[in-house]
């Protein structure tokens, strides 16, 4: 799989989103992320509209429910021809395996979310009562996902080397929380630059506000791609 720069489409209006995307050349072969907020507001018709325009779709729904419900949901999503779909690794082995079963026969990559980028060591210990260090917890969940059929994980760039060591080089590590040096960190604690993510072995990066809120989104995207693909 080509290592993509995935644009997180966090817009409150679908017209505004399409207008933003219109500044990119049609042959750019963009990879875009539709998160829970946009999906709940615009639903499958929005996914279909973007697929019909030729965009690759990362559907970031972070499914987390009982195995049977997740399997049936994935069976429905399997018909949508999206390229990536997320579940929470903390849903457990049976749930991850059920999600993979639901996507059987498709090219959709199943990615498990390990630890949200908004959570640091303090939140992990004090709020979730997880006794492990953050990196150990992420590695544990990644191995759980790997052992139960997931194609990869969503993880901070900092954990990628440990995850690859625990699973394998072909196990995908897609990294959110990417910020150019000049950008604000925002609400994500475990962030990295495109260059750092590349050096650490990430297989793809997700970038939102530094592109979508830039004065010129296409130029911002090109600059990040240059740093990522050096």
Protein backbone atom coordinates (compact mmCIF):
# COMPACT_ATOMS: atom_id res chain seq x y z
CA UNK A 1 0.00 0.00 0.00
CA UNK A 2 1.25 3.46 -0.90
CA UNK A 3 1.93 5.46 2.25
CA UNK A 4 -0.79 8.12 2.17
CA UNK A 5 -1.26 11.55 3.65
CA UNK A 6 -4.89 11.34 4.79
CA UNK A 7 -6.84 14.59 5.16
CA UNK A 8 -9.24 14.62 8.12
CA UNK A 9 -12.44 16.26 6.91
CA UNK A 10 -13.76 17.93 10.04
CA UNK A 11 -16.38 20.26 8.59
CA UNK A 12 -19.78 21.27 9.95
CA UNK A 13 -21.23 21.63 6.46
CA UNK A 14 -20.99 19.20 3.54
CA UNK A 15 -21.03 22.04 0.98
CA UNK A 16 -18.09 23.67 2.78
CA UNK A 17 -16.28 20.33 2.64
CA UNK A 18 -16.86 19.88 -1.10
CA UNK A 19 -15.78 23.49 -1.70
CA UNK A 20 -12.55 22.79 0.22
CA UNK A 21 -11.87 19.65 -1.83
CA UNK A 22 -12.53 21.48 -5.11
CA UNK A 23 -9.19 23.31 -4.79
CA UNK A 24 -7.33 20.02 -5.31
CA UNK A 25 -6.58 18.76 -8.85
CA UNK A 26 -8.86 15.90 -9.93
CA UNK A 27 -5.87 13.62 -10.51
CA UNK A 28 -4.50 14.12 -6.98
CA UNK A 29 -5.95 10.75 -5.84
CA UNK A 30 -6.77 12.14 -2.40
CA UNK A 31 -7.22 9.99 0.69
CA UNK A 32 -9.71 11.55 3.11
CA UNK A 33 -10.96 10.67 6.58
CA UNK A 34 -14.62 10.84 7.53
CA UNK A 35 -14.97 10.82 11.29
CA UNK A 36 -17.91 10.15 13.56
CA UNK A 37 -19.18 13.74 13.63
CA UNK A 38 -19.44 14.14 9.86
CA UNK A 39 -20.79 10.63 9.39
CA UNK A 40 -23.57 11.16 11.94
CA UNK A 41 -24.52 14.43 10.27
CA UNK A 42 -24.35 13.40 6.59
CA UNK A 43 -24.37 9.59 6.65
CA UNK A 44 -23.75 7.11 3.87
CA UNK A 45 -24.88 9.46 1.05
CA UNK A 46 -21.87 11.65 1.85
CA UNK A 47 -19.54 8.63 1.76
CA UNK A 48 -21.04 7.57 -1.57
CA UNK A 49 -20.69 11.09 -2.96
CA UNK A 50 -16.97 11.21 -2.15
CA UNK A 51 -16.37 7.71 -3.52
CA UNK A 52 -18.16 8.69 -6.74
CA UNK A 53 -15.76 11.63 -7.01
CA UNK A 54 -12.84 9.22 -6.81
CA UNK A 55 -11.64 9.87 -3.26
CA UNK A 56 -10.17 7.10 -1.13
CA UNK A 57 -12.10 6.87 2.14
CA UNK A 58 -10.86 6.23 5.65
CA UNK A 59 -14.09 5.74 7.63
CA UNK A 60 -13.06 6.47 11.20
CA UNK A 61 -16.07 5.31 13.22
CA UNK A 62 -14.15 3.56 16.01
CA UNK A 63 -16.76 0.83 16.37
CA UNK A 64 -17.03 -0.56 19.89
CA UNK A 65 -19.93 -2.88 20.71
CA UNK A 66 -20.72 -6.54 21.26
CA UNK A 67 -19.16 -8.80 18.58
CA UNK A 68 -22.41 -9.70 16.82
CA UNK A 69 -23.42 -6.06 16.42
CA UNK A 70 -19.98 -5.09 15.13
CA UNK A 71 -19.93 -7.97 12.66
CA UNK A 72 -23.34 -7.05 11.21
CA UNK A 73 -22.34 -3.39 11.01
CA UNK A 74 -19.16 -4.31 9.15
CA UNK A 75 -21.17 -6.48 6.76
CA UNK A 76 -23.16 -3.36 5.82
CA UNK A 77 -20.08 -1.15 5.53
CA UNK A 78 -18.41 -3.83 3.38
CA UNK A 79 -20.78 -2.82 0.56
CA UNK A 80 -19.58 0.79 0.59
CA UNK A 81 -16.14 0.26 -0.98
CA UNK A 82 -14.23 2.25 1.64
CA UNK A 83 -10.49 1.72 1.99
CA UNK A 84 -10.13 1.79 5.79
CA UNK A 85 -12.42 1.28 8.79
CA UNK A 86 -11.66 1.58 12.50
CA UNK A 87 -12.73 -0.33 15.59
CA UNK A 88 -11.57 0.09 19.19
CA UNK A 89 -8.98 -2.54 20.10
CA UNK A 90 -10.24 -2.34 23.68
CA UNK A 91 -13.43 -4.02 22.46
CA UNK A 92 -11.53 -7.28 22.79
CA UNK A 93 -10.37 -10.24 20.74
CA UNK A 94 -13.80 -11.57 19.81
CA UNK A 95 -15.05 -8.16 18.66
CA UNK A 96 -11.98 -7.53 16.49
CA UNK A 97 -12.30 -10.97 14.88
CA UNK A 98 -16.02 -10.36 14.29
CA UNK A 99 -15.27 -7.06 12.54
CA UNK A 100 -12.77 -8.76 10.25
CA UNK A 101 -15.30 -11.48 9.49
CA UNK A 102 -17.85 -8.82 8.55
CA UNK A 103 -15.42 -7.30 6.04
CA UNK A 104 -14.52 -10.68 4.52
CA UNK A 105 -14.22 -10.61 0.74
CA UNK A 106 -13.47 -6.88 0.54
CA UNK A 107 -10.29 -4.82 0.23
CA UNK A 108 -11.24 -2.67 3.23
CA UNK A 109 -8.41 -2.52 5.76
CA UNK A 110 -9.51 -3.07 9.36
CA UNK A 111 -7.60 -0.78 11.70
CA UNK A 112 -7.80 -0.96 15.48
CA UNK A 113 -7.57 2.16 17.63
CA UNK A 114 -5.13 1.62 20.47
CA UNK A 115 -4.97 4.77 22.60
CA UNK A 116 -6.64 8.04 21.65
CA UNK A 117 -4.16 10.85 21.00
CA UNK A 118 -6.04 12.99 23.55
CA UNK A 119 -5.05 10.58 26.33
CA UNK A 120 -1.68 10.75 28.04
CA UNK A 121 -0.10 8.73 30.83
CA UNK A 122 -1.94 10.69 33.54
CA UNK A 123 -5.37 10.04 32.04
CA UNK A 124 -4.53 6.40 31.42
CA UNK A 125 -3.56 5.84 35.05
CA UNK A 126 -5.94 8.12 36.92
CA UNK A 127 -9.10 7.99 34.82
CA UNK A 128 -8.98 4.57 33.16
CA UNK A 129 -7.07 2.83 35.96
CA UNK A 130 -4.76 1.09 33.47
CA UNK A 131 -1.67 -0.06 35.41
CA UNK A 132 0.58 -0.18 32.33
CA UNK A 133 2.82 2.49 30.92
CA UNK A 134 1.29 4.10 27.84
CA UNK A 135 3.67 2.43 25.38
CA UNK A 136 3.15 -1.00 26.97
CA UNK A 137 -0.62 -0.59 26.83
CA UNK A 138 -0.54 0.44 23.17
CA UNK A 139 1.74 -2.47 22.27
CA UNK A 140 -0.53 -4.90 24.13
CA UNK A 141 -3.62 -3.70 22.24
CA UNK A 142 -1.77 -3.74 18.92
CA UNK A 143 -0.70 -7.35 19.47
CA UNK A 144 -4.30 -8.23 20.40
CA UNK A 145 -5.50 -6.67 17.14
CA UNK A 146 -2.79 -8.42 15.13
CA UNK A 147 -3.59 -11.81 16.64
CA UNK A 148 -7.27 -11.43 15.75
CA UNK A 149 -7.03 -10.46 12.10
CA UNK A 150 -6.79 -6.67 12.03
CA UNK A 151 -4.70 -5.23 9.21
CA UNK A 152 -3.17 -2.54 11.37
CA UNK A 153 -3.65 0.02 14.09
CA UNK A 154 -4.06 3.72 14.66
CA UNK A 155 -1.19 4.78 16.86
CA UNK A 156 1.10 7.62 17.81
CA UNK A 157 4.33 7.72 15.81
CA UNK A 158 6.24 7.20 19.04
CA UNK A 159 4.86 3.68 19.44
CA UNK A 160 5.32 2.53 15.83
CA UNK A 161 8.74 0.86 16.32
CA UNK A 162 7.46 -1.10 19.33
CA UNK A 163 4.31 -2.15 17.49
CA UNK A 164 6.24 -3.30 14.42
CA UNK A 165 8.55 -5.31 16.66
CA UNK A 166 5.60 -6.97 18.44
CA UNK A 167 3.63 -7.71 15.25
CA UNK A 168 5.44 -7.42 11.93
CA UNK A 169 6.59 -4.94 9.31
CA UNK A 170 3.47 -5.58 7.19
CA UNK A 171 1.15 -4.63 10.06
CA UNK A 172 -0.03 -1.13 9.21
CA UNK A 173 0.53 1.78 11.58
CA UNK A 174 -1.51 4.85 10.66
CA UNK A 175 -0.61 7.92 12.68
CA UNK A 176 -2.93 10.80 13.62
CA UNK A 177 -1.90 13.82 15.64
CA UNK A 178 0.42 15.02 12.89
CA UNK A 179 1.41 18.68 13.06
CA UNK A 180 4.00 20.63 11.07
CA UNK A 181 6.49 22.42 13.30
CA UNK A 182 4.69 25.74 12.82
CA UNK A 183 1.24 24.41 13.80
CA UNK A 184 -0.54 24.53 17.15
CA UNK A 185 -0.73 21.22 19.03
CA UNK A 186 -4.44 21.70 19.83
CA UNK A 187 -6.25 19.03 21.87
CA UNK A 188 -3.93 16.15 21.02
CA UNK A 189 -1.14 15.30 23.46
CA UNK A 190 0.88 12.70 21.55
CA UNK A 191 1.81 14.51 18.35
CA UNK A 192 4.60 14.28 15.77
CA UNK A 193 5.77 16.03 12.62
CA UNK A 194 5.45 14.28 9.23
CA UNK A 195 9.23 13.81 9.12
CA UNK A 196 9.33 12.23 12.57
CA UNK A 197 6.47 9.87 11.72
CA UNK A 198 8.28 8.82 8.54
CA UNK A 199 11.53 8.14 10.38
CA UNK A 200 9.71 6.11 13.05
CA UNK A 201 8.08 3.91 10.41
CA UNK A 202 4.46 5.06 10.13
CA UNK A 203 2.62 3.67 7.08
CA UNK A 204 0.34 6.68 6.71
CA UNK A 205 -0.41 9.94 8.48
CA UNK A 206 -3.65 11.77 9.24
CA UNK A 207 -3.64 15.57 9.10
CA UNK A 208 -6.64 17.80 9.75
CA UNK A 209 -6.54 21.42 10.82
CA UNK A 210 -3.06 22.27 9.46
CA UNK A 211 -4.56 21.59 6.00
CA UNK A 212 -8.29 22.29 6.35
CA UNK A 213 -7.80 25.57 8.22
CA UNK A 214 -4.85 26.80 6.17
CA UNK A 215 -5.17 29.90 3.98
CA UNK A 216 -4.38 27.65 1.02
CA UNK A 217 -5.24 24.03 1.78
CA UNK A 218 -3.66 22.63 -1.37
CA UNK A 219 -0.32 24.35 -0.71
CA UNK A 220 -0.40 23.17 2.92
CA UNK A 221 -1.13 19.62 1.73
CA UNK A 222 1.72 19.73 -0.79
CA UNK A 223 4.17 20.96 1.85
CA UNK A 224 3.21 18.16 4.23
CA UNK A 225 3.49 15.60 1.42
CA UNK A 226 6.99 16.86 0.62
CA UNK A 227 8.07 16.48 4.23
CA UNK A 228 6.43 13.05 4.48
CA UNK A 229 7.90 11.71 1.23
CA UNK A 230 11.48 12.99 1.59
